[in-house]
């Protein structure tokens, strides 16, 4: 527990030290004094500019450090994945492909079927559209079960009216994870090897071919333990909605470039073989953290991230195919976005504190270190920019940095391209997204402070729009 409370400070300390060392390395090299020139653009605009660029040693240090760290993380991740795919140690990695293939060799377990669990707490506004998208799949599910958790609205009635079974939690105090644990204890004993279980949020719309792709993947690969979805944001919510859509488009692009290798099996829509869920439940308290018998660790704020790490720790093979896309809810205000991201960030830190430093968590450690380093880098950028403006008699243009900024702008536009023209135009302006990144950095620091002081974390439920409004918001979301 002490390590879990200190984990955020450890991340900031390591990244702060890295930033300090880079600063010292760069500042130790003599930098020529700026030489300001003046000129006239278009015959009317008098400008001041400095043609000096940073010395090559400084550039090489910065580029070399970045390339080294990126290559180190990529090679380490590849080595860990290869090692665990080849593992035959059933006591340590019971879900590794070699172990699973050996256990299922020569046995036909029937066609792949899908049972969908939809956890819902007061979701009457969005549940109907979610269930409709499920039944409209090109390969529809065999069963849909709405897991109604402490509902005080018409969630149960809406579920039954749309052809779903309803499982109502009893005495649950552990939010989504606790409700799903109760439902899985009821469901899993009757599931065969190929009767996969899908967990899907009640505010999500599947694209029509999602389940068809997932079923094909499970059919083609007996060792595959989980399939996750790539999520895009619904339309609407103004500039804050576009920030989130751009973010999700870039995440989906990154997963595509990784050929489906999973960061997180998102709770918006993910499918699991029963073997995977049963093994997680039986391994809790021994191979992985948690209470034996629970699939979801109810102590985790971000149960989806924790379950992903649990499956990876047990050697499971997982993918997020580019064809499996969903449209999910966006946070409609800065307050709700703050609450969501604070829960995500603190949950990620707590998960690392629970699992410690292992081969499977190294990628997640590197992500947190990257976020921590970004806090120092972006904050320093804005502070130095403000300092330059305050200390200069007039505005000075720096062609080298303008060129570098244009490269960054192109990268922003290209990575958000699939989001359409609104996404591209927002990305091209650069600075609004930088301020959005600064907002996320502040969330990160707040999460570090809260976990270090042992403050209780609250899970806040978001009330959804009316069903008609939600249908309008979803229409036109990127596919």
Protein backbone atom coordinates (compact mmCIF):
# COMPACT_ATOMS: atom_id res chain seq x y z
CA UNK A 1 0.00 0.00 0.00
CA UNK A 2 2.88 2.37 0.75
CA UNK A 3 4.31 1.75 -2.72
CA UNK A 4 0.92 2.43 -4.27
CA UNK A 5 0.72 5.81 -2.52
CA UNK A 6 4.24 6.75 -3.62
CA UNK A 7 3.97 5.56 -7.21
CA UNK A 8 2.94 8.94 -8.60
CA UNK A 9 5.83 10.66 -6.85
CA UNK A 10 8.20 8.01 -8.19
CA UNK A 11 7.01 8.70 -11.74
CA UNK A 12 7.40 12.46 -11.32
CA UNK A 13 10.81 12.08 -9.66
CA UNK A 14 12.18 9.88 -12.44
CA UNK A 15 10.83 12.07 -15.21
CA UNK A 16 11.95 15.23 -13.43
CA UNK A 17 15.46 13.82 -13.14
CA UNK A 18 15.43 12.92 -16.84
CA UNK A 19 14.32 16.44 -17.76
CA UNK A 20 17.00 17.95 -15.52
CA UNK A 21 19.74 15.80 -17.05
CA UNK A 22 18.63 16.75 -20.57
CA UNK A 23 18.57 20.41 -19.57
CA UNK A 24 22.08 20.19 -18.12
CA UNK A 25 23.37 18.34 -21.16
CA UNK A 26 21.96 20.92 -23.55
CA UNK A 27 22.93 23.96 -21.47
CA UNK A 28 26.52 22.73 -21.12
CA UNK A 29 27.04 23.39 -24.84
CA UNK A 30 27.90 26.94 -25.81
CA UNK A 31 25.06 28.62 -27.61
CA UNK A 32 25.76 31.58 -29.89
CA UNK A 33 24.15 34.87 -29.01
CA UNK A 34 21.03 35.66 -31.02
CA UNK A 35 21.51 38.08 -33.88
CA UNK A 36 18.31 39.91 -34.66
CA UNK A 37 17.73 41.08 -38.21
CA UNK A 38 14.91 43.12 -39.63
CA UNK A 39 13.17 42.93 -42.94
CA UNK A 40 9.99 43.84 -44.77
CA UNK A 41 7.43 41.25 -45.89
CA UNK A 42 5.08 41.96 -48.78
CA UNK A 43 6.46 45.48 -48.91
CA UNK A 44 4.49 46.66 -45.87
CA UNK A 45 5.14 44.39 -42.88
CA UNK A 46 8.32 45.17 -40.94
CA UNK A 47 9.48 42.10 -38.99
CA UNK A 48 12.38 41.14 -36.75
CA UNK A 49 13.84 37.65 -37.08
CA UNK A 50 16.73 35.53 -35.82
CA UNK A 51 18.28 33.06 -38.25
CA UNK A 52 20.28 31.17 -35.64
CA UNK A 53 19.41 27.52 -35.01
CA UNK A 54 20.43 25.39 -32.02
CA UNK A 55 23.93 23.90 -32.35
CA UNK A 56 24.08 20.45 -33.90
CA UNK A 57 25.31 18.80 -30.67
CA UNK A 58 22.15 20.00 -28.89
CA UNK A 59 19.94 18.70 -31.66
CA UNK A 60 21.72 15.37 -31.73
CA UNK A 61 21.37 14.96 -27.95
CA UNK A 62 17.64 15.66 -28.04
CA UNK A 63 16.93 13.48 -31.09
CA UNK A 64 19.25 10.71 -29.88
CA UNK A 65 17.61 10.47 -26.46
CA UNK A 66 14.12 10.35 -28.02
CA UNK A 67 15.05 7.67 -30.56
CA UNK A 68 16.86 5.58 -27.96
CA UNK A 69 13.93 5.59 -25.55
CA UNK A 70 11.40 4.81 -28.30
CA UNK A 71 13.52 1.94 -29.64
CA UNK A 72 14.14 0.59 -26.13
CA UNK A 73 10.42 0.49 -25.29
CA UNK A 74 9.51 -1.09 -28.64
CA UNK A 75 12.19 -3.79 -28.43
CA UNK A 76 11.37 -4.55 -24.80
CA UNK A 77 7.66 -4.90 -25.57
CA UNK A 78 8.39 -7.18 -28.52
CA UNK A 79 10.73 -9.35 -26.46
CA UNK A 80 8.21 -9.70 -23.62
CA UNK A 81 5.37 -10.57 -26.03
CA UNK A 82 7.49 -13.18 -27.83
CA UNK A 83 8.65 -14.74 -24.58
CA UNK A 84 5.15 -15.16 -23.18
CA UNK A 85 3.69 -16.43 -26.43
CA UNK A 86 6.25 -19.24 -26.34
CA UNK A 87 5.90 -20.00 -22.63
CA UNK A 88 4.88 -23.54 -21.69
CA UNK A 89 4.84 -22.93 -17.93
CA UNK A 90 1.23 -23.67 -17.01
CA UNK A 91 1.82 -22.67 -13.38
CA UNK A 92 2.91 -19.11 -14.27
CA UNK A 93 1.35 -18.38 -17.66
CA UNK A 94 -1.73 -20.63 -17.89
CA UNK A 95 -3.16 -18.57 -20.78
CA UNK A 96 -0.08 -18.48 -23.01
CA UNK A 97 -0.77 -19.62 -26.61
CA UNK A 98 1.34 -22.79 -26.32
CA UNK A 99 -0.45 -23.88 -23.16
CA UNK A 100 -3.91 -23.17 -24.59
CA UNK A 101 -3.17 -24.84 -27.94
CA UNK A 102 -1.91 -27.97 -26.17
CA UNK A 103 -5.00 -28.13 -23.94
CA UNK A 104 -7.49 -27.76 -26.81
CA UNK A 105 -5.72 -29.79 -29.48
CA UNK A 106 -7.89 -32.39 -31.23
CA UNK A 107 -11.17 -31.31 -29.60
CA UNK A 108 -14.01 -29.52 -31.42
CA UNK A 109 -15.80 -27.21 -29.00
CA UNK A 110 -18.55 -26.13 -31.35
CA UNK A 111 -19.14 -22.95 -33.30
CA UNK A 112 -18.21 -19.64 -31.69
CA UNK A 113 -21.21 -17.95 -30.07
CA UNK A 114 -21.43 -14.59 -28.31
CA UNK A 115 -23.20 -13.75 -25.07
CA UNK A 116 -23.24 -10.01 -24.37
CA UNK A 117 -23.25 -8.53 -20.86
CA UNK A 118 -24.31 -4.88 -20.73
CA UNK A 119 -23.66 -3.41 -17.26
CA UNK A 120 -26.11 -0.58 -16.68
CA UNK A 121 -26.80 1.83 -13.82
CA UNK A 122 -29.72 4.13 -14.65
CA UNK A 123 -29.10 3.93 -18.40
CA UNK A 124 -32.66 4.15 -19.72
CA UNK A 125 -31.72 7.02 -22.08
CA UNK A 126 -28.96 5.22 -23.97
CA UNK A 127 -29.67 1.52 -23.44
CA UNK A 128 -32.26 1.14 -26.20
CA UNK A 129 -29.92 2.38 -28.95
CA UNK A 130 -27.14 0.15 -27.63
CA UNK A 131 -29.31 -2.98 -27.72
CA UNK A 132 -30.64 -2.08 -31.16
CA UNK A 133 -27.07 -1.88 -32.51
CA UNK A 134 -26.37 -5.33 -31.06
CA UNK A 135 -29.37 -7.02 -32.66
CA UNK A 136 -28.53 -5.31 -35.97
CA UNK A 137 -25.12 -6.98 -36.21
CA UNK A 138 -24.36 -8.96 -39.38
CA UNK A 139 -23.67 -11.86 -36.99
CA UNK A 140 -26.02 -11.20 -34.05
CA UNK A 141 -25.28 -12.41 -30.51
CA UNK A 142 -26.83 -15.58 -29.14
CA UNK A 143 -27.88 -13.80 -25.94
CA UNK A 144 -27.91 -10.30 -24.52
CA UNK A 145 -28.02 -9.85 -20.77
CA UNK A 146 -28.49 -6.41 -19.23
CA UNK A 147 -26.73 -6.36 -15.86
CA UNK A 148 -28.90 -3.85 -13.99
CA UNK A 149 -27.02 -2.49 -10.99
CA UNK A 150 -29.02 -0.63 -8.34
CA UNK A 151 -31.21 1.02 -10.97
CA UNK A 152 -33.89 3.50 -9.93
CA UNK A 153 -35.12 4.34 -13.43
CA UNK A 154 -36.64 2.23 -16.24
CA UNK A 155 -33.40 0.48 -17.26
CA UNK A 156 -34.87 -2.99 -16.53
CA UNK A 157 -38.05 -2.30 -18.54
CA UNK A 158 -36.09 -0.86 -21.49
CA UNK A 159 -33.81 -3.90 -21.54
CA UNK A 160 -36.68 -6.38 -21.65
CA UNK A 161 -38.58 -4.30 -24.22
CA UNK A 162 -35.57 -4.60 -26.55
CA UNK A 163 -35.37 -8.39 -26.30
CA UNK A 164 -32.63 -8.70 -23.67
CA UNK A 165 -32.54 -10.83 -20.56
CA UNK A 166 -32.05 -8.88 -17.33
CA UNK A 167 -29.78 -9.83 -14.43
CA UNK A 168 -30.25 -7.60 -11.39
CA UNK A 169 -27.36 -7.30 -8.94
CA UNK A 170 -28.03 -7.99 -5.27
CA UNK A 171 -26.47 -5.88 -2.52
CA UNK A 172 -23.66 -4.70 -4.78
CA UNK A 173 -21.42 -1.97 -3.34
CA UNK A 174 -18.63 -2.21 -5.89
CA UNK A 175 -20.10 -0.40 -8.88
CA UNK A 176 -19.58 -1.86 -12.37
CA UNK A 177 -16.93 -4.43 -11.38
CA UNK A 178 -19.01 -5.83 -8.54
CA UNK A 179 -22.13 -6.14 -10.70
CA UNK A 180 -20.20 -7.92 -13.44
CA UNK A 181 -18.63 -10.31 -10.93
CA UNK A 182 -22.10 -11.34 -9.76
CA UNK A 183 -23.30 -11.82 -13.35
CA UNK A 184 -20.21 -13.81 -14.35
CA UNK A 185 -20.54 -16.17 -11.38
CA UNK A 186 -24.05 -16.90 -12.67
CA UNK A 187 -23.11 -17.09 -16.35
CA UNK A 188 -19.66 -18.72 -16.66
CA UNK A 189 -20.50 -22.23 -15.39
CA UNK A 190 -22.76 -22.77 -18.40
CA UNK A 191 -20.36 -21.35 -21.03
CA UNK A 192 -18.44 -23.73 -23.30
CA UNK A 193 -14.92 -23.19 -24.63
CA UNK A 194 -16.20 -21.27 -27.67
CA UNK A 195 -19.12 -19.48 -25.99
CA UNK A 196 -17.34 -16.14 -25.74
CA UNK A 197 -18.52 -13.40 -23.40
CA UNK A 198 -18.71 -9.80 -24.50
CA UNK A 199 -18.79 -6.91 -22.02
CA UNK A 200 -20.18 -3.71 -23.51
CA UNK A 201 -21.00 -0.33 -22.03
CA UNK A 202 -24.62 0.80 -22.15
CA UNK A 203 -23.68 4.05 -23.91
CA UNK A 204 -21.94 2.44 -26.91
CA UNK A 205 -23.02 1.72 -30.49
CA UNK A 206 -21.36 -1.11 -32.42
CA UNK A 207 -20.64 -0.82 -36.10
CA UNK A 208 -22.57 -3.53 -37.99
CA UNK A 209 -19.64 -5.88 -38.68
CA UNK A 210 -18.08 -5.81 -35.21
CA UNK A 211 -19.24 -9.22 -34.01
CA UNK A 212 -18.69 -10.87 -37.39
CA UNK A 213 -15.02 -9.87 -37.29
CA UNK A 214 -14.60 -10.93 -33.67
CA UNK A 215 -16.24 -14.32 -34.25
CA UNK A 216 -13.99 -14.93 -37.26
CA UNK A 217 -10.88 -14.09 -35.23
CA UNK A 218 -11.86 -16.45 -32.41
CA UNK A 219 -12.70 -19.19 -34.93
CA UNK A 220 -9.37 -18.86 -36.73
CA UNK A 221 -7.17 -18.84 -33.62
CA UNK A 222 -7.82 -21.16 -30.67
CA UNK A 223 -5.13 -19.39 -28.64
CA UNK A 224 -6.82 -15.98 -28.88
CA UNK A 225 -8.22 -15.08 -25.47
CA UNK A 226 -9.71 -11.60 -26.01
CA UNK A 227 -10.75 -9.17 -28.74
CA UNK A 228 -11.09 -5.47 -28.01
CA UNK A 229 -12.76 -2.67 -29.93
CA UNK A 230 -11.45 0.59 -31.35
CA UNK A 231 -13.62 3.44 -30.16
CA UNK A 232 -14.60 6.72 -31.76
CA UNK A 233 -16.50 9.60 -30.18
CA UNK A 234 -20.09 10.54 -30.87
CA UNK A 235 -20.84 13.85 -32.60
CA UNK A 236 -21.70 17.02 -30.72
CA UNK A 237 -20.58 18.77 -27.51
CA UNK A 238 -18.78 21.62 -29.28
CA UNK A 239 -15.04 22.16 -29.00
CA UNK A 240 -14.65 19.84 -26.00
CA UNK A 241 -16.25 17.06 -28.01
CA UNK A 242 -13.86 17.66 -30.92
CA UNK A 243 -10.86 17.49 -28.59
CA UNK A 244 -12.00 14.05 -27.44
CA UNK A 245 -12.81 12.85 -30.96
CA UNK A 246 -9.34 13.83 -32.15
CA UNK A 247 -7.83 12.00 -29.20
CA UNK A 248 -9.79 8.82 -29.93
CA UNK A 249 -9.02 8.95 -33.67
CA UNK A 250 -5.30 9.13 -32.89
CA UNK A 251 -5.54 6.24 -30.45
CA UNK A 252 -7.31 4.08 -33.03
CA UNK A 253 -4.66 5.00 -35.60
CA UNK A 254 -1.89 3.95 -33.23
CA UNK A 255 -3.53 0.57 -32.60
CA UNK A 256 -3.89 0.07 -36.36
CA UNK A 257 -0.18 0.77 -36.81
CA UNK A 258 0.57 -1.74 -34.05
CA UNK A 259 -1.45 -4.32 -36.04
CA UNK A 260 -4.00 -4.65 -33.28
CA UNK A 261 -1.62 -5.17 -30.36
CA UNK A 262 -3.64 -4.09 -27.34
CA UNK A 263 -2.92 -1.34 -24.83
CA UNK A 264 -6.24 -1.68 -23.00
CA UNK A 265 -9.23 -3.96 -23.57
CA UNK A 266 -11.70 -1.12 -23.46
CA UNK A 267 -14.91 -1.46 -21.50
CA UNK A 268 -16.80 0.08 -24.42
CA UNK A 269 -16.77 -3.35 -26.10
CA UNK A 270 -14.47 -6.34 -25.54
CA UNK A 271 -14.93 -10.11 -25.91
CA UNK A 272 -13.35 -12.87 -23.81
CA UNK A 273 -13.14 -16.62 -23.97
CA UNK A 274 -14.63 -18.23 -20.86
CA UNK A 275 -11.26 -19.92 -20.25
CA UNK A 276 -9.65 -16.50 -19.88
CA UNK A 277 -12.22 -15.20 -17.40
CA UNK A 278 -12.22 -18.39 -15.34
CA UNK A 279 -8.41 -18.40 -15.18
CA UNK A 280 -8.33 -14.78 -14.03
CA UNK A 281 -10.86 -15.54 -11.29
CA UNK A 282 -8.93 -18.59 -10.05
CA UNK A 283 -5.57 -16.76 -10.17
CA UNK A 284 -6.63 -13.79 -8.05
CA UNK A 285 -4.72 -13.63 -4.79
CA UNK A 286 -1.91 -15.85 -6.07
CA UNK A 287 -0.58 -15.03 -9.55
CA UNK A 288 -2.32 -11.66 -9.79
CA UNK A 289 -3.79 -9.19 -7.27
CA UNK A 290 -7.41 -9.39 -6.13
CA UNK A 291 -9.86 -11.67 -4.38
CA UNK A 292 -10.01 -15.29 -5.53
CA UNK A 293 -13.17 -15.96 -7.51
CA UNK A 294 -13.56 -12.39 -8.82
CA UNK A 295 -13.01 -11.72 -12.51
CA UNK A 296 -12.90 -7.97 -11.93
CA UNK A 297 -10.78 -6.49 -9.15
CA UNK A 298 -13.30 -4.31 -7.33
CA UNK A 299 -10.48 -2.35 -5.66
CA UNK A 300 -9.43 -0.97 -9.07
CA UNK A 301 -10.82 2.35 -10.27
CA UNK A 302 -10.20 1.39 -13.89
CA UNK A 303 -11.37 -2.21 -14.01
CA UNK A 304 -10.80 -2.55 -17.78
CA UNK A 305 -7.14 -1.52 -17.57
CA UNK A 306 -6.61 -3.81 -14.58
CA UNK A 307 -8.21 -6.79 -16.35
CA UNK A 308 -5.96 -6.18 -19.37
CA UNK A 309 -2.85 -6.27 -17.18
CA UNK A 310 -4.18 -9.39 -15.43
CA UNK A 311 -4.65 -11.22 -18.73
CA UNK A 312 -1.23 -10.15 -20.00
CA UNK A 313 0.35 -11.31 -16.74
CA UNK A 314 -1.18 -14.75 -17.31
CA UNK A 315 0.21 -14.88 -20.86
CA UNK A 316 -3.02 -14.25 -22.79
CA UNK A 317 -3.02 -13.35 -26.48
CA UNK A 318 -5.24 -10.33 -27.25
CA UNK A 319 -5.92 -8.10 -30.25
CA UNK A 320 -7.98 -5.06 -31.29
CA UNK A 321 -8.77 -5.56 -35.01
CA UNK A 322 -9.24 -2.39 -37.03
CA UNK A 323 -12.64 -3.67 -38.23
CA UNK A 324 -14.02 -3.80 -34.67
CA UNK A 325 -15.10 -0.19 -34.16
CA UNK A 326 -17.62 1.39 -31.84
CA UNK A 327 -19.06 4.85 -31.26
CA UNK A 328 -19.04 5.80 -27.60
CA UNK A 329 -20.19 8.60 -25.34
CA UNK A 330 -18.14 11.77 -24.89
CA UNK A 331 -17.97 13.92 -21.80
CA UNK A 332 -20.19 16.98 -22.41
CA UNK A 333 -18.42 19.45 -20.07
CA UNK A 334 -15.01 20.23 -18.64
CA UNK A 335 -16.16 19.12 -15.18
CA UNK A 336 -17.32 15.70 -16.34
CA UNK A 337 -14.18 15.31 -18.47
CA UNK A 338 -12.05 16.22 -15.45
CA UNK A 339 -13.82 13.58 -13.33
CA UNK A 340 -13.47 10.91 -16.03
CA UNK A 341 -9.79 11.52 -16.73
CA UNK A 342 -8.89 11.85 -13.06
CA UNK A 343 -10.44 8.42 -12.46
CA UNK A 344 -8.60 6.96 -15.48
CA UNK A 345 -5.26 8.46 -14.49
CA UNK A 346 -5.43 7.56 -10.83
CA UNK A 347 -6.68 4.08 -11.69
CA UNK A 348 -3.73 3.54 -14.03
CA UNK A 349 -1.28 4.55 -11.31
CA UNK A 350 -2.98 2.34 -8.73
CA UNK A 351 -2.89 -0.63 -11.11
CA UNK A 352 0.86 -0.22 -11.55
CA UNK A 353 1.26 0.05 -7.80
CA UNK A 354 -0.66 -3.22 -7.34
CA UNK A 355 1.31 -5.16 -9.98
CA UNK A 356 4.71 -3.54 -9.46
CA UNK A 357 7.52 -3.70 -12.01
CA UNK A 358 7.10 -6.83 -14.12
CA UNK A 359 7.83 -7.58 -17.79
CA UNK A 360 4.13 -7.23 -18.59
CA UNK A 361 3.81 -3.81 -16.93
CA UNK A 362 6.93 -2.26 -18.45
CA UNK A 363 4.96 -0.78 -21.34
CA UNK A 364 2.51 0.82 -18.90
CA UNK A 365 5.37 2.16 -16.81
CA UNK A 366 6.88 3.75 -19.93
CA UNK A 367 3.52 5.37 -20.74
CA UNK A 368 3.27 6.91 -17.29
CA UNK A 369 6.87 8.07 -17.46
CA UNK A 370 6.10 9.62 -20.84
CA UNK A 371 3.12 11.47 -19.40
CA UNK A 372 5.24 12.67 -16.48
CA UNK A 373 7.96 13.88 -18.83
CA UNK A 374 5.32 15.62 -20.92
CA UNK A 375 4.21 17.55 -17.83
CA UNK A 376 7.70 19.03 -17.46
CA UNK A 377 8.21 19.57 -21.19
CA UNK A 378 4.89 21.28 -21.97
CA UNK A 379 4.93 23.39 -18.80
CA UNK A 380 8.49 24.52 -19.55
CA UNK A 381 7.51 25.38 -23.12
CA UNK A 382 4.68 27.66 -22.04
CA UNK A 383 6.77 29.25 -19.28
CA UNK A 384 9.71 29.95 -21.60
CA UNK A 385 7.37 31.31 -24.27
CA UNK A 386 5.80 33.67 -21.75
CA UNK A 387 9.26 34.70 -20.51
CA UNK A 388 10.42 35.48 -24.05
CA UNK A 389 7.36 37.65 -24.69
CA UNK A 390 7.81 39.56 -21.44
CA UNK A 391 11.55 40.12 -21.92
CA UNK A 392 11.45 41.21 -25.57
CA UNK A 393 10.75 44.74 -26.75
CA UNK A 394 9.08 43.36 -29.86
CA UNK A 395 8.07 40.09 -31.45
CA UNK A 396 10.98 38.16 -32.95
CA UNK A 397 10.42 35.39 -35.50
CA UNK A 398 12.64 32.31 -35.43
CA UNK A 399 12.56 30.53 -38.84
CA UNK A 400 14.09 27.33 -37.43
CA UNK A 401 11.42 26.94 -34.77
CA UNK A 402 8.67 27.97 -37.16
CA UNK A 403 9.82 25.17 -39.49
CA UNK A 404 9.85 22.71 -36.60
CA UNK A 405 6.38 23.88 -35.62
CA UNK A 406 5.13 23.27 -39.15
CA UNK A 407 6.43 19.70 -38.98
CA UNK A 408 4.56 19.25 -35.71
CA UNK A 409 1.40 20.74 -37.25
CA UNK A 410 1.59 18.31 -40.19
CA UNK A 411 1.92 15.41 -37.75
CA UNK A 412 -1.12 16.62 -35.83
CA UNK A 413 -3.22 16.92 -38.99
CA UNK A 414 -2.16 13.57 -40.45
CA UNK A 415 -2.86 11.65 -37.25
CA UNK A 416 -6.34 13.20 -36.95
CA UNK A 417 -7.15 12.90 -40.67
CA UNK A 418 -9.75 10.13 -40.33
CA UNK A 419 -11.82 12.39 -38.09
CA UNK A 420 -12.86 14.57 -41.05
CA UNK A 421 -12.44 18.28 -41.72
CA UNK A 422 -13.41 19.52 -38.23
CA UNK A 423 -10.68 17.30 -36.77
CA UNK A 424 -8.12 18.44 -39.36
CA UNK A 425 -8.85 22.13 -38.89
CA UNK A 426 -8.61 21.90 -35.12
CA UNK A 427 -5.33 19.97 -35.40
CA UNK A 428 -3.91 22.57 -37.82
CA UNK A 429 -4.36 25.36 -35.29
CA UNK A 430 -1.96 23.49 -32.93
CA UNK A 431 -2.30 25.68 -29.84
CA UNK A 432 -5.86 24.74 -28.79
CA UNK A 433 -4.80 21.07 -28.65
CA UNK A 434 -1.67 22.06 -26.73
CA UNK A 435 -3.85 23.71 -24.11
CA UNK A 436 -6.02 20.58 -24.04
CA UNK A 437 -2.84 18.58 -23.41
CA UNK A 438 -2.00 21.00 -20.61
CA UNK A 439 -5.42 20.31 -19.10
CA UNK A 440 -4.66 16.57 -19.15
CA UNK A 441 -1.27 17.25 -17.55
CA UNK A 442 -2.98 19.08 -14.70
CA UNK A 443 -5.28 16.06 -14.27
CA UNK A 444 -2.18 13.86 -14.06
CA UNK A 445 -0.63 16.03 -11.34
CA UNK A 446 -3.92 16.09 -9.42
CA UNK A 447 -4.03 12.28 -9.58
CA UNK A 448 -0.48 12.08 -8.24
CA UNK A 449 -1.31 14.44 -5.36
CA UNK A 450 -4.50 12.56 -4.46
CA UNK A 451 -2.92 9.12 -4.47
CA UNK A 452 0.11 10.36 -2.52
CA UNK A 453 -2.10 11.89 0.18
CA UNK A 454 -4.30 8.79 0.34
CA UNK A 455 -7.45 10.67 -0.64
CA UNK A 456 -10.48 8.52 -1.42
CA UNK A 457 -11.32 8.30 -5.09
CA UNK A 458 -14.95 8.72 -6.13
CA UNK A 459 -16.63 7.03 -9.11
CA UNK A 460 -19.04 9.53 -10.66
CA UNK A 461 -21.92 8.37 -12.86
CA UNK A 462 -22.72 10.50 -15.89
CA UNK A 463 -26.37 11.08 -16.71
CA UNK A 464 -26.98 10.66 -20.43
CA UNK A 465 -29.01 12.75 -22.82
CA UNK A 466 -32.50 11.77 -23.87
CA UNK A 467 -32.58 8.95 -26.37
CA UNK A 468 -33.57 11.17 -29.30
CA UNK A 469 -30.79 13.64 -28.56
CA UNK A 470 -28.30 10.80 -28.32
CA UNK A 471 -29.30 9.36 -31.70
CA UNK A 472 -28.68 12.79 -33.25
CA UNK A 473 -25.28 13.00 -31.56
CA UNK A 474 -24.18 9.58 -32.80
CA UNK A 475 -25.22 10.24 -36.41
CA UNK A 476 -22.16 11.11 -38.49
CA UNK A 477 -19.49 9.85 -36.08
CA UNK A 478 -16.34 8.60 -37.87
CA UNK A 479 -16.38 4.95 -38.85
